[in-house]
Amino acid sequence: MNSLNIDFKKKSAKGRLSIKLFKNDSFWIGYIPSLNISSYAETYEEAHEFLLSVYLKEYLQNAFNSPSQAIEELKSLGWERNSIFKKKFTVESYVDKDGFLKEFDLPIGTEVTDSEIFVG
């Protein structure tokens, strides 16, 4: 399960997210399905680093700057806000491999690395 604790006032976030990394032609793609964020680079390490230190960081910065818009976007992506702990958001994200490959127009048999990252 993906989860984020977002404190909009303190502009901080902590949580756990699933990521996928795969090679498409000569580029490596990093993807966070639950936030629909992706990056690409020439190496696995760069794609992973750009995904976290550039794209996820920018995504969260935009969320901190516009909380109501961020909450609506999270809801549109299937995230649920905890009714008691208002800073906590969760999403049960399942991506089937065939659907995932079709979404990115990848050939059958493309190797996809699944992992988790911890935010904060």
PDB file of N, CA and C in Angstrom:
ATOM      1  N   MET A   1       0.843  -1.177   0.000  1.00  0.00           N
ATOM      2  CA  MET A   1       0.000   0.000   0.000  1.00  0.00           C
ATOM      3  C   MET A   1       0.890   1.242   0.000  1.00  0.00           C
ATOM      4  N   ASN A   2       0.523   2.201  -0.815  1.00  0.00           N
ATOM      5  CA  ASN A   2       1.221   3.482  -0.864  1.00  0.00           C
ATOM      6  C   ASN A   2       0.592   4.393   0.184  1.00  0.00           C
ATOM      7  N   SER A   3       1.439   5.142   0.872  1.00  0.00           N
ATOM      8  CA  SER A   3       0.917   6.064   1.875  1.00  0.00           C
ATOM      9  C   SER A   3       1.779   7.321   1.913  1.00  0.00           C
ATOM     10  N   LEU A   4       1.117   8.418   2.221  1.00  0.00           N
ATOM     11  CA  LEU A   4       1.805   9.693   2.400  1.00  0.00           C
ATOM     12  C   LEU A   4       1.174  10.428   3.574  1.00  0.00           C
ATOM     13  N   ASN A   5       1.995  10.961   4.442  1.00  0.00           N
ATOM     14  CA  ASN A   5       1.556  11.884   5.476  1.00  0.00           C
ATOM     15  C   ASN A   5       2.048  13.247   5.022  1.00  0.00           C
ATOM     16  N   ILE A   6       1.111  14.099   4.656  1.00  0.00           N
ATOM     17  CA  ILE A   6       1.475  15.404   4.109  1.00  0.00           C
ATOM     18  C   ILE A   6       1.071  16.492   5.088  1.00  0.00           C
ATOM     19  N   ASP A   7       2.046  17.258   5.553  1.00  0.00           N
ATOM     20  CA  ASP A   7       1.790  18.406   6.410  1.00  0.00           C
ATOM     21  C   ASP A   7       1.954  19.651   5.537  1.00  0.00           C
ATOM     22  N   PHE A   8       0.826  20.168   5.066  1.00  0.00           N
ATOM     23  CA  PHE A   8       0.861  21.312   4.151  1.00  0.00           C
ATOM     24  C   PHE A   8       1.400  22.565   4.824  1.00  0.00           C
ATOM     25  N   LYS A   9       1.152  22.732   6.114  1.00  0.00           N
ATOM     26  CA  LYS A   9       1.640  23.921   6.817  1.00  0.00           C
ATOM     27  C   LYS A   9       3.160  23.900   6.972  1.00  0.00           C
ATOM     28  N   LYS A  10       3.700  22.739   7.338  1.00  0.00           N
ATOM     29  CA  LYS A  10       5.145  22.608   7.527  1.00  0.00           C
ATOM     30  C   LYS A  10       5.870  22.292   6.220  1.00  0.00           C
ATOM     31  N   LYS A  11       5.105  22.069   5.157  1.00  0.00           N
ATOM     32  CA  LYS A  11       5.656  21.727   3.843  1.00  0.00           C
ATOM     33  C   LYS A  11       6.593  20.517   3.946  1.00  0.00           C
ATOM     34  N   SER A  12       6.033  19.446   4.525  1.00  0.00           N
ATOM     35  CA  SER A  12       6.799  18.212   4.640  1.00  0.00           C
ATOM     36  C   SER A  12       5.907  17.018   4.322  1.00  0.00           C
ATOM     37  N   ALA A  13       6.552  15.951   3.872  1.00  0.00           N
ATOM     38  CA  ALA A  13       5.819  14.724   3.548  1.00  0.00           C
ATOM     39  C   ALA A  13       6.682  13.532   3.931  1.00  0.00           C
ATOM     40  N   LYS A  14       6.012  12.491   4.428  1.00  0.00           N
ATOM     41  CA  LYS A  14       6.654  11.225   4.746  1.00  0.00           C
ATOM     42  C   LYS A  14       5.751  10.129   4.217  1.00  0.00           C
ATOM     43  N   GLY A  15       6.348   9.026   3.820  1.00  0.00           N
ATOM     44  CA  GLY A  15       5.516   7.930   3.374  1.00  0.00           C
ATOM     45  C   GLY A  15       6.274   6.872   2.612  1.00  0.00           C
ATOM     46  N   ARG A  16       5.503   6.015   1.951  1.00  0.00           N
ATOM     47  CA  ARG A  16       6.054   4.891   1.205  1.00  0.00           C
ATOM     48  C   ARG A  16       5.347   4.822  -0.145  1.00  0.00           C
ATOM     49  N   LEU A  17       6.139   4.709  -1.208  1.00  0.00           N
ATOM     50  CA  LEU A  17       5.599   4.657  -2.564  1.00  0.00           C
ATOM     51  C   LEU A  17       6.227   3.516  -3.348  1.00  0.00           C
ATOM     52  N   SER A  18       5.440   2.907  -4.205  1.00  0.00           N
ATOM     53  CA  SER A  18       5.947   1.879  -5.114  1.00  0.00           C
ATOM     54  C   SER A  18       6.461   2.547  -6.376  1.00  0.00           C
ATOM     55  N   ILE A  19       7.585   2.061  -6.880  1.00  0.00           N
ATOM     56  CA  ILE A  19       8.107   2.589  -8.142  1.00  0.00           C
ATOM     57  C   ILE A  19       8.428   1.433  -9.083  1.00  0.00           C
ATOM     58  N   LYS A  20       8.434   1.757 -10.356  1.00  0.00           N
ATOM     59  CA  LYS A  20       8.786   0.803 -11.402  1.00  0.00           C
ATOM     60  C   LYS A  20       9.890   1.429 -12.240  1.00  0.00           C
ATOM     61  N   LEU A  21      10.856   0.610 -12.608  1.00  0.00           N
ATOM     62  CA  LEU A  21      11.927   1.059 -13.494  1.00  0.00           C
ATOM     63  C   LEU A  21      12.070   0.034 -14.609  1.00  0.00           C
ATOM     64  N   PHE A  22      12.236   0.534 -15.833  1.00  0.00           N
ATOM     65  CA  PHE A  22      12.356  -0.358 -16.985  1.00  0.00           C
ATOM     66  C   PHE A  22      13.080   0.364 -18.104  1.00  0.00           C
ATOM     67  N   LYS A  23      13.589  -0.410 -19.040  1.00  0.00           N
ATOM     68  CA  LYS A  23      14.305   0.165 -20.171  1.00  0.00           C
ATOM     69  C   LYS A  23      13.385   0.174 -21.384  1.00  0.00           C
ATOM     70  N   ASN A  24      13.355   1.310 -22.064  1.00  0.00           N
ATOM     71  CA  ASN A  24      12.570   1.478 -23.279  1.00  0.00           C
ATOM     72  C   ASN A  24      13.501   2.056 -24.335  1.00  0.00           C
ATOM     73  N   ASP A  25      13.809   1.259 -25.333  1.00  0.00           N
ATOM     74  CA  ASP A  25      14.816   1.616 -26.335  1.00  0.00           C
ATOM     75  C   ASP A  25      16.139   1.874 -25.618  1.00  0.00           C
ATOM     76  N   SER A  26      16.688   3.064 -25.735  1.00  0.00           N
ATOM     77  CA  SER A  26      17.988   3.313 -25.109  1.00  0.00           C
ATOM     78  C   SER A  26      17.873   4.087 -23.794  1.00  0.00           C
ATOM     79  N   PHE A  27      16.652   4.316 -23.311  1.00  0.00           N
ATOM     80  CA  PHE A  27      16.458   5.079 -22.081  1.00  0.00           C
ATOM     81  C   PHE A  27      15.851   4.224 -20.983  1.00  0.00           C
ATOM     82  N   TRP A  28      16.218   4.547 -19.745  1.00  0.00           N
ATOM     83  CA  TRP A  28      15.592   3.967 -18.576  1.00  0.00           C
ATOM     84  C   TRP A  28      14.469   4.895 -18.126  1.00  0.00           C
ATOM     85  N   ILE A  29      13.340   4.312 -17.780  1.00  0.00           N
ATOM     86  CA  ILE A  29      12.166   5.060 -17.321  1.00  0.00           C
ATOM     87  C   ILE A  29      11.923   4.713 -15.866  1.00  0.00           C
ATOM     88  N   GLY A  30      11.700   5.730 -15.049  1.00  0.00           N
ATOM     89  CA  GLY A  30      11.275   5.555 -13.662  1.00  0.00           C
ATOM     90  C   GLY A  30       9.833   6.024 -13.574  1.00  0.00           C
ATOM     91  N   TYR A  31       8.994   5.284 -12.834  1.00  0.00           N
ATOM     92  CA  TYR A  31       7.565   5.596 -12.804  1.00  0.00           C
ATOM     93  C   TYR A  31       6.988   5.320 -11.425  1.00  0.00           C
ATOM     94  N   ILE A  32       6.230   6.271 -10.905  1.00  0.00           N
ATOM     95  CA  ILE A  32       5.470   6.093  -9.670  1.00  0.00           C
ATOM     96  C   ILE A  32       4.001   6.037 -10.077  1.00  0.00           C
ATOM     97  N   PRO A  33       3.430   4.824 -10.208  1.00  0.00           N
ATOM     98  CA  PRO A  33       2.054   4.686 -10.702  1.00  0.00           C
ATOM     99  C   PRO A  33       1.011   5.417  -9.854  1.00  0.00           C
ATOM    100  N   SER A  34       1.160   5.402  -8.537  1.00  0.00           N
ATOM    101  CA  SER A  34       0.144   5.998  -7.670  1.00  0.00           C
ATOM    102  C   SER A  34       0.083   7.514  -7.778  1.00  0.00           C
ATOM    103  N   LEU A  35       1.131   8.143  -8.303  1.00  0.00           N
ATOM    104  CA  LEU A  35       1.134   9.599  -8.506  1.00  0.00           C
ATOM    105  C   LEU A  35       1.217   9.975  -9.979  1.00  0.00           C
ATOM    106  N   ASN A  36       1.354   8.976 -10.833  1.00  0.00           N
ATOM    107  CA  ASN A  36       1.476   9.175 -12.275  1.00  0.00           C
ATOM    108  C   ASN A  36       2.641  10.114 -12.619  1.00  0.00           C
ATOM    109  N   ILE A  37       3.783   9.859 -11.964  1.00  0.00           N
ATOM    110  CA  ILE A  37       5.000  10.638 -12.190  1.00  0.00           C
ATOM    111  C   ILE A  37       6.020   9.739 -12.873  1.00  0.00           C
ATOM    112  N   SER A  38       6.695  10.280 -13.875  1.00  0.00           N
ATOM    113  CA  SER A  38       7.736   9.483 -14.534  1.00  0.00           C
ATOM    114  C   SER A  38       8.960  10.345 -14.833  1.00  0.00           C
ATOM    115  N   SER A  39      10.072   9.651 -15.034  1.00  0.00           N
ATOM    116  CA  SER A  39      11.318  10.306 -15.426  1.00  0.00           C
ATOM    117  C   SER A  39      12.027   9.386 -16.404  1.00  0.00           C
ATOM    118  N   TYR A  40      13.025   9.913 -17.072  1.00  0.00           N
ATOM    119  CA  TYR A  40      13.833   9.054 -17.941  1.00  0.00           C
ATOM    120  C   TYR A  40      15.266   9.559 -17.955  1.00  0.00           C
ATOM    121  N   ALA A  41      16.169   8.629 -18.231  1.00  0.00           N
ATOM    122  CA  ALA A  41      17.592   8.966 -18.295  1.00  0.00           C
ATOM    123  C   ALA A  41      18.317   7.847 -19.032  1.00  0.00           C
ATOM    124  N   GLU A  42      19.598   8.054 -19.255  1.00  0.00           N
ATOM    125  CA  GLU A  42      20.388   7.058 -19.975  1.00  0.00           C
ATOM    126  C   GLU A  42      20.762   5.854 -19.119  1.00  0.00           C
ATOM    127  N   THR A  43      20.776   6.014 -17.794  1.00  0.00           N
ATOM    128  CA  THR A  43      21.110   4.883 -16.931  1.00  0.00           C
ATOM    129  C   THR A  43      19.999   4.652 -15.910  1.00  0.00           C
ATOM    130  N   TYR A  44      19.983   3.442 -15.379  1.00  0.00           N
ATOM    131  CA  TYR A  44      19.029   3.061 -14.333  1.00  0.00           C
ATOM    132  C   TYR A  44      19.164   4.001 -13.143  1.00  0.00           C
ATOM    133  N   GLU A  45      20.388   4.219 -12.703  1.00  0.00           N
ATOM    134  CA  GLU A  45      20.649   5.040 -11.529  1.00  0.00           C
ATOM    135  C   GLU A  45      20.172   6.479 -11.724  1.00  0.00           C
ATOM    136  N   GLU A  46      20.425   7.044 -12.911  1.00  0.00           N
ATOM    137  CA  GLU A  46      19.989   8.412 -13.184  1.00  0.00           C
ATOM    138  C   GLU A  46      18.470   8.508 -13.228  1.00  0.00           C
ATOM    139  N   ALA A  47      17.803   7.537 -13.838  1.00  0.00           N
ATOM    140  CA  ALA A  47      16.333   7.547 -13.911  1.00  0.00           C
ATOM    141  C   ALA A  47      15.755   7.484 -12.504  1.00  0.00           C
ATOM    142  N   HIS A  48      16.322   6.639 -11.671  1.00  0.00           N
ATOM    143  CA  HIS A  48      15.873   6.511 -10.279  1.00  0.00           C
ATOM    144  C   HIS A  48      16.107   7.818  -9.527  1.00  0.00           C
ATOM    145  N   GLU A  49      17.296   8.381  -9.659  1.00  0.00           N
ATOM    146  CA  GLU A  49      17.649   9.622  -8.969  1.00  0.00           C
ATOM    147  C   GLU A  49      16.784  10.795  -9.436  1.00  0.00           C
ATOM    148  N   PHE A  50      16.600  10.947 -10.745  1.00  0.00           N
ATOM    149  CA  PHE A  50      15.768  12.033 -11.267  1.00  0.00           C
ATOM    150  C   PHE A  50      14.324  11.894 -10.794  1.00  0.00           C
ATOM    151  N   LEU A  51      13.830  10.661 -10.768  1.00  0.00           N
ATOM    152  CA  LEU A  51      12.455  10.426 -10.332  1.00  0.00           C
ATOM    153  C   LEU A  51      12.248  10.940  -8.913  1.00  0.00           C
ATOM    154  N   LEU A  52      13.202  10.661  -8.044  1.00  0.00           N
ATOM    155  CA  LEU A  52      13.055  11.036  -6.638  1.00  0.00           C
ATOM    156  C   LEU A  52      13.470  12.463  -6.339  1.00  0.00           C
ATOM    157  N   SER A  53      14.646  12.851  -6.802  1.00  0.00           N
ATOM    158  CA  SER A  53      15.179  14.152  -6.393  1.00  0.00           C
ATOM    159  C   SER A  53      14.695  15.316  -7.241  1.00  0.00           C
ATOM    160  N   VAL A  54      14.142  15.030  -8.409  1.00  0.00           N
ATOM    161  CA  VAL A  54      13.643  16.122  -9.248  1.00  0.00           C
ATOM    162  C   VAL A  54      12.114  16.061  -9.353  1.00  0.00           C
ATOM    163  N   TYR A  55      11.587  15.014  -9.945  1.00  0.00           N
ATOM    164  CA  TYR A  55      10.154  14.974 -10.256  1.00  0.00           C
ATOM    165  C   TYR A  55       9.268  14.808  -9.031  1.00  0.00           C
ATOM    166  N   LEU A  56       9.615  13.902  -8.119  1.00  0.00           N
ATOM    167  CA  LEU A  56       8.815  13.747  -6.898  1.00  0.00           C
ATOM    168  C   LEU A  56       8.941  14.990  -6.032  1.00  0.00           C
ATOM    169  N   LYS A  57      10.138  15.522  -5.924  1.00  0.00           N
ATOM    170  CA  LYS A  57      10.349  16.744  -5.141  1.00  0.00           C
ATOM    171  C   LYS A  57       9.506  17.899  -5.705  1.00  0.00           C
ATOM    172  N   GLU A  58       9.499  18.043  -7.028  1.00  0.00           N
ATOM    173  CA  GLU A  58       8.704  19.098  -7.670  1.00  0.00           C
ATOM    174  C   GLU A  58       7.209  18.859  -7.453  1.00  0.00           C
ATOM    175  N   TYR A  59       6.788  17.602  -7.559  1.00  0.00           N
ATOM    176  CA  TYR A  59       5.381  17.262  -7.339  1.00  0.00           C
ATOM    177  C   TYR A  59       4.951  17.684  -5.932  1.00  0.00           C
ATOM    178  N   LEU A  60       5.758  17.334  -4.933  1.00  0.00           N
ATOM    179  CA  LEU A  60       5.420  17.674  -3.554  1.00  0.00           C
ATOM    180  C   LEU A  60       5.478  19.175  -3.318  1.00  0.00           C
ATOM    181  N   GLN A  61       6.442  19.860  -3.920  1.00  0.00           N
ATOM    182  CA  GLN A  61       6.530  21.314  -3.785  1.00  0.00           C
ATOM    183  C   GLN A  61       5.264  21.989  -4.326  1.00  0.00           C
ATOM    184  N   ASN A  62       4.788  21.513  -5.477  1.00  0.00           N
ATOM    185  CA  ASN A  62       3.542  22.041  -6.037  1.00  0.00           C
ATOM    186  C   ASN A  62       2.363  21.742  -5.118  1.00  0.00           C
ATOM    187  N   ALA A  63       2.354  20.569  -4.509  1.00  0.00           N
ATOM    188  CA  ALA A  63       1.290  20.205  -3.571  1.00  0.00           C
ATOM    189  C   ALA A  63       1.297  21.138  -2.366  1.00  0.00           C
ATOM    190  N   PHE A  64       2.475  21.418  -1.817  1.00  0.00           N
ATOM    191  CA  PHE A  64       2.572  22.311  -0.660  1.00  0.00           C
ATOM    192  C   PHE A  64       2.076  23.718  -1.002  1.00  0.00           C
ATOM    193  N   ASN A  65       2.317  24.151  -2.233  1.00  0.00           N
ATOM    194  CA  ASN A  65       1.931  25.498  -2.645  1.00  0.00           C
ATOM    195  C   ASN A  65       0.445  25.635  -2.958  1.00  0.00           C
ATOM    196  N   SER A  66      -0.219  24.520  -3.218  1.00  0.00           N
ATOM    197  CA  SER A  66      -1.650  24.561  -3.542  1.00  0.00           C
ATOM    198  C   SER A  66      -2.352  23.339  -2.938  1.00  0.00           C
ATOM    199  N   PRO A  67      -2.548  23.346  -1.618  1.00  0.00           N
ATOM    200  CA  PRO A  67      -3.102  22.176  -0.932  1.00  0.00           C
ATOM    201  C   PRO A  67      -4.447  21.690  -1.464  1.00  0.00           C
ATOM    202  N   SER A  68      -5.382  22.599  -1.702  1.00  0.00           N
ATOM    203  CA  SER A  68      -6.709  22.145  -2.154  1.00  0.00           C
ATOM    204  C   SER A  68      -6.628  21.466  -3.521  1.00  0.00           C
ATOM    205  N   GLN A  69      -5.823  22.008  -4.413  1.00  0.00           N
ATOM    206  CA  GLN A  69      -5.630  21.397  -5.731  1.00  0.00           C
ATOM    207  C   GLN A  69      -4.929  20.043  -5.592  1.00  0.00           C
ATOM    208  N   ALA A  70      -3.953  19.958  -4.693  1.00  0.00           N
ATOM    209  CA  ALA A  70      -3.231  18.705  -4.469  1.00  0.00           C
ATOM    210  C   ALA A  70      -4.164  17.623  -3.939  1.00  0.00           C
ATOM    211  N   ILE A  71      -5.025  17.979  -3.003  1.00  0.00           N
ATOM    212  CA  ILE A  71      -5.971  17.009  -2.440  1.00  0.00           C
ATOM    213  C   ILE A  71      -6.917  16.508  -3.523  1.00  0.00           C
ATOM    214  N   GLU A  72      -7.405  17.392  -4.376  1.00  0.00           N
ATOM    215  CA  GLU A  72      -8.280  16.976  -5.479  1.00  0.00           C
ATOM    216  C   GLU A  72      -7.556  16.062  -6.458  1.00  0.00           C
ATOM    217  N   GLU A  73      -6.303  16.380  -6.752  1.00  0.00           N
ATOM    218  CA  GLU A  73      -5.532  15.538  -7.669  1.00  0.00           C
ATOM    219  C   GLU A  73      -5.293  14.154  -7.074  1.00  0.00           C
ATOM    220  N   LEU A  74      -4.937  14.114  -5.792  1.00  0.00           N
ATOM    221  CA  LEU A  74      -4.742  12.824  -5.136  1.00  0.00           C
ATOM    222  C   LEU A  74      -6.026  11.993  -5.183  1.00  0.00           C
ATOM    223  N   LYS A  75      -7.161  12.626  -4.909  1.00  0.00           N
ATOM    224  CA  LYS A  75      -8.448  11.920  -4.987  1.00  0.00           C
ATOM    225  C   LYS A  75      -8.694  11.388  -6.388  1.00  0.00           C
ATOM    226  N   SER A  76      -8.369  12.176  -7.408  1.00  0.00           N
ATOM    227  CA  SER A  76      -8.588  11.738  -8.790  1.00  0.00           C
ATOM    228  C   SER A  76      -7.698  10.549  -9.155  1.00  0.00           C
ATOM    229  N   LEU A  77      -6.579  10.392  -8.438  1.00  0.00           N
ATOM    230  CA  LEU A  77      -5.670   9.267  -8.670  1.00  0.00           C
ATOM    231  C   LEU A  77      -6.011   8.063  -7.786  1.00  0.00           C
ATOM    232  N   GLY A  78      -7.093   8.175  -7.006  1.00  0.00           N
ATOM    233  CA  GLY A  78      -7.546   7.063  -6.176  1.00  0.00           C
ATOM    234  C   GLY A  78      -7.094   7.102  -4.727  1.00  0.00           C
ATOM    235  N   TRP A  79      -6.399   8.146  -4.336  1.00  0.00           N
ATOM    236  CA  TRP A  79      -5.950   8.274  -2.955  1.00  0.00           C
ATOM    237  C   TRP A  79      -7.137   8.606  -2.059  1.00  0.00           C
ATOM    238  N   GLU A  80      -7.091   8.101  -0.831  1.00  0.00           N
ATOM    239  CA  GLU A  80      -8.122   8.408   0.157  1.00  0.00           C
ATOM    240  C   GLU A  80      -7.483   9.120   1.335  1.00  0.00           C
ATOM    241  N   ARG A  81      -8.187  10.128   1.815  1.00  0.00           N
ATOM    242  CA  ARG A  81      -7.715  10.884   2.974  1.00  0.00           C
ATOM    243  C   ARG A  81      -8.335  10.279   4.215  1.00  0.00           C
ATOM    244  N   ASN A  82      -7.517  10.043   5.243  1.00  0.00           N
ATOM    245  CA  ASN A  82      -8.004   9.474   6.481  1.00  0.00           C
ATOM    246  C   ASN A  82      -8.942  10.472   7.147  1.00  0.00           C
ATOM    247  N   SER A  83     -10.119   9.997   7.566  1.00  0.00           N
ATOM    248  CA  SER A  83     -11.124  10.895   8.134  1.00  0.00           C
ATOM    249  C   SER A  83     -10.728  11.426   9.513  1.00  0.00           C
ATOM    250  N   ILE A  84      -9.866  10.722  10.214  1.00  0.00           N
ATOM    251  CA  ILE A  84      -9.441  11.172  11.538  1.00  0.00           C
ATOM    252  C   ILE A  84      -8.092  11.883  11.474  1.00  0.00           C
ATOM    253  N   PHE A  85      -7.138  11.255  10.820  1.00  0.00           N
ATOM    254  CA  PHE A  85      -5.799  11.837  10.679  1.00  0.00           C
ATOM    255  C   PHE A  85      -5.718  12.509   9.310  1.00  0.00           C
ATOM    256  N   LYS A  86      -6.089  13.758   9.243  1.00  0.00           N
ATOM    257  CA  LYS A  86      -6.262  14.483   7.978  1.00  0.00           C
ATOM    258  C   LYS A  86      -4.999  14.587   7.128  1.00  0.00           C
ATOM    259  N   LYS A  87      -3.834  14.403   7.741  1.00  0.00           N
ATOM    260  CA  LYS A  87      -2.585  14.497   6.983  1.00  0.00           C
ATOM    261  C   LYS A  87      -2.255  13.192   6.262  1.00  0.00           C
ATOM    262  N   LYS A  88      -2.974  12.110   6.602  1.00  0.00           N
ATOM    263  CA  LYS A  88      -2.641  10.796   6.064  1.00  0.00           C
ATOM    264  C   LYS A  88      -3.485  10.464   4.832  1.00  0.00           C
ATOM    265  N   PHE A  89      -2.776  10.093   3.759  1.00  0.00           N
ATOM    266  CA  PHE A  89      -3.403   9.685   2.506  1.00  0.00           C
ATOM    267  C   PHE A  89      -2.898   8.287   2.161  1.00  0.00           C
ATOM    268  N   THR A  90      -3.784   7.440   1.663  1.00  0.00           N
ATOM    269  CA  THR A  90      -3.380   6.098   1.245  1.00  0.00           C
ATOM    270  C   THR A  90      -4.052   5.738  -0.074  1.00  0.00           C
ATOM    271  N   VAL A  91      -3.405   4.828  -0.786  1.00  0.00           N
ATOM    272  CA  VAL A  91      -3.994   4.301  -2.015  1.00  0.00           C
ATOM    273  C   VAL A  91      -3.535   2.857  -2.150  1.00  0.00           C
ATOM    274  N   GLU A  92      -4.463   2.015  -2.504  1.00  0.00           N
ATOM    275  CA  GLU A  92      -4.158   0.612  -2.784  1.00  0.00           C
ATOM    276  C   GLU A  92      -3.925   0.561  -4.284  1.00  0.00           C
ATOM    277  N   SER A  93      -2.670   0.573  -4.681  1.00  0.00           N
ATOM    278  CA  SER A  93      -2.319   0.680  -6.091  1.00  0.00           C
ATOM    279  C   SER A  93      -1.861  -0.663  -6.635  1.00  0.00           C
ATOM    280  N   TYR A  94      -2.598  -1.168  -7.602  1.00  0.00           N
ATOM    281  CA  TYR A  94      -2.205  -2.404  -8.262  1.00  0.00           C
ATOM    282  C   TYR A  94      -2.098  -2.123  -9.752  1.00  0.00           C
ATOM    283  N   VAL A  95      -0.968  -2.455 -10.321  1.00  0.00           N
ATOM    284  CA  VAL A  95      -0.768  -2.263 -11.750  1.00  0.00           C
ATOM    285  C   VAL A  95      -0.449  -3.619 -12.352  1.00  0.00           C
ATOM    286  N   ASP A  96      -1.359  -4.147 -13.186  1.00  0.00           N
ATOM    287  CA  ASP A  96      -1.043  -5.435 -13.797  1.00  0.00           C
ATOM    288  C   ASP A  96      -0.006  -5.225 -14.882  1.00  0.00           C
ATOM    289  N   LYS A  97       0.891  -6.179 -15.019  1.00  0.00           N
ATOM    290  CA  LYS A  97       2.034  -6.020 -15.908  1.00  0.00           C
ATOM    291  C   LYS A  97       1.612  -5.798 -17.348  1.00  0.00           C
ATOM    292  N   ASP A  98       0.594  -6.547 -17.830  1.00  0.00           N
ATOM    293  CA  ASP A  98       0.169  -6.379 -19.218  1.00  0.00           C
ATOM    294  C   ASP A  98      -0.412  -4.995 -19.462  1.00  0.00           C
ATOM    295  N   GLY A  99      -1.230  -4.509 -18.530  1.00  0.00           N
ATOM    296  CA  GLY A  99      -1.784  -3.165 -18.659  1.00  0.00           C
ATOM    297  C   GLY A  99      -0.710  -2.107 -18.613  1.00  0.00           C
ATOM    298  N   PHE A 100       0.257  -2.326 -17.728  1.00  0.00           N
ATOM    299  CA  PHE A 100       1.366  -1.395 -17.576  1.00  0.00           C
ATOM    300  C   PHE A 100       2.187  -1.323 -18.861  1.00  0.00           C
ATOM    301  N   LEU A 101       2.482  -2.483 -19.435  1.00  0.00           N
ATOM    302  CA  LEU A 101       3.274  -2.528 -20.669  1.00  0.00           C
ATOM    303  C   LEU A 101       2.539  -1.847 -21.819  1.00  0.00           C
ATOM    304  N   LYS A 102       1.232  -2.043 -21.897  1.00  0.00           N
ATOM    305  CA  LYS A 102       0.442  -1.410 -22.961  1.00  0.00           C
ATOM    306  C   LYS A 102       0.401   0.107 -22.789  1.00  0.00           C
ATOM    307  N   GLU A 103       0.276   0.549 -21.539  1.00  0.00           N
ATOM    308  CA  GLU A 103       0.208   1.987 -21.269  1.00  0.00           C
ATOM    309  C   GLU A 103       1.451   2.708 -21.777  1.00  0.00           C
ATOM    310  N   PHE A 104       2.595   2.077 -21.640  1.00  0.00           N
ATOM    311  CA  PHE A 104       3.848   2.665 -22.088  1.00  0.00           C
ATOM    312  C   PHE A 104       4.252   2.181 -23.477  1.00  0.00           C
ATOM    313  N   ASP A 105       3.378   1.397 -24.106  1.00  0.00           N
ATOM    314  CA  ASP A 105       3.637   0.851 -25.442  1.00  0.00           C
ATOM    315  C   ASP A 105       4.957   0.079 -25.471  1.00  0.00           C
ATOM    316  N   LEU A 106       5.147  -0.773 -24.466  1.00  0.00           N
ATOM    317  CA  LEU A 106       6.363  -1.567 -24.345  1.00  0.00           C
ATOM    318  C   LEU A 106       6.151  -2.954 -24.930  1.00  0.00           C
ATOM    319  N   PRO A 107       7.184  -3.531 -25.471  1.00  0.00           N
ATOM    320  CA  PRO A 107       7.059  -4.900 -25.993  1.00  0.00           C
ATOM    321  C   PRO A 107       6.832  -5.909 -24.867  1.00  0.00           C
ATOM    322  N   ILE A 108       6.075  -6.970 -25.186  1.00  0.00           N
ATOM    323  CA  ILE A 108       5.886  -8.056 -24.233  1.00  0.00           C
ATOM    324  C   ILE A 108       7.267  -8.606 -23.870  1.00  0.00           C
ATOM    325  N   GLY A 109       7.462  -8.913 -22.614  1.00  0.00           N
ATOM    326  CA  GLY A 109       8.746  -9.434 -22.161  1.00  0.00           C
ATOM    327  C   GLY A 109       9.686  -8.371 -21.615  1.00  0.00           C
ATOM    328  N   THR A 110       9.262  -7.093 -21.661  1.00  0.00           N
ATOM    329  CA  THR A 110      10.090  -6.031 -21.089  1.00  0.00           C
ATOM    330  C   THR A 110      10.269  -6.297 -19.600  1.00  0.00           C
ATOM    331  N   GLU A 111      11.510  -6.254 -19.139  1.00  0.00           N
ATOM    332  CA  GLU A 111      11.789  -6.484 -17.723  1.00  0.00           C
ATOM    333  C   GLU A 111      11.486  -5.211 -16.939  1.00  0.00           C
ATOM    334  N   VAL A 112      10.641  -5.356 -15.913  1.00  0.00           N
ATOM    335  CA  VAL A 112      10.249  -4.232 -15.070  1.00  0.00           C
ATOM    336  C   VAL A 112      10.700  -4.516 -13.646  1.00  0.00           C
ATOM    337  N   THR A 113      11.440  -3.583 -13.065  1.00  0.00           N
ATOM    338  CA  THR A 113      11.894  -3.705 -11.684  1.00  0.00           C
ATOM    339  C   THR A 113      10.902  -2.993 -10.781  1.00  0.00           C
ATOM    340  N   ASP A 114      10.368  -3.713  -9.820  1.00  0.00           N
ATOM    341  CA  ASP A 114       9.461  -3.134  -8.827  1.00  0.00           C
ATOM    342  C   ASP A 114      10.229  -2.909  -7.544  1.00  0.00           C
ATOM    343  N   SER A 115      10.045  -1.729  -6.941  1.00  0.00           N
ATOM    344  CA  SER A 115      10.652  -1.480  -5.636  1.00  0.00           C
ATOM    345  C   SER A 115       9.826  -0.460  -4.890  1.00  0.00           C
ATOM    346  N   GLU A 116      10.221  -0.201  -3.658  1.00  0.00           N
ATOM    347  CA  GLU A 116       9.561   0.787  -2.820  1.00  0.00           C
ATOM    348  C   GLU A 116      10.569   1.837  -2.414  1.00  0.00           C
ATOM    349  N   ILE A 117      10.054   3.036  -2.251  1.00  0.00           N
ATOM    350  CA  ILE A 117      10.891   4.109  -1.723  1.00  0.00           C
ATOM    351  C   ILE A 117      10.213   4.689  -0.491  1.00  0.00           C
ATOM    352  N   PHE A 118      10.997   5.254   0.370  1.00  0.00           N
ATOM    353  CA  PHE A 118      10.475   5.918   1.551  1.00  0.00           C
ATOM    354  C   PHE A 118      10.736   7.413   1.389  1.00  0.00           C
ATOM    355  N   VAL A 119       9.683   8.186   1.535  1.00  0.00           N
ATOM    356  CA  VAL A 119       9.725   9.629   1.389  1.00  0.00           C
ATOM    357  C   VAL A 119       9.924  10.243   2.765  1.00  0.00           C
ATOM    358  N   GLY A 120      10.730  11.285   2.813  1.00  0.00           N
ATOM    359  CA  GLY A 120      10.895  12.010   4.064  1.00  0.00           C
ATOM    360  C   GLY A 120      12.020  11.601   4.813  1.00  0.00           C
TER     361      GLY A 120
END
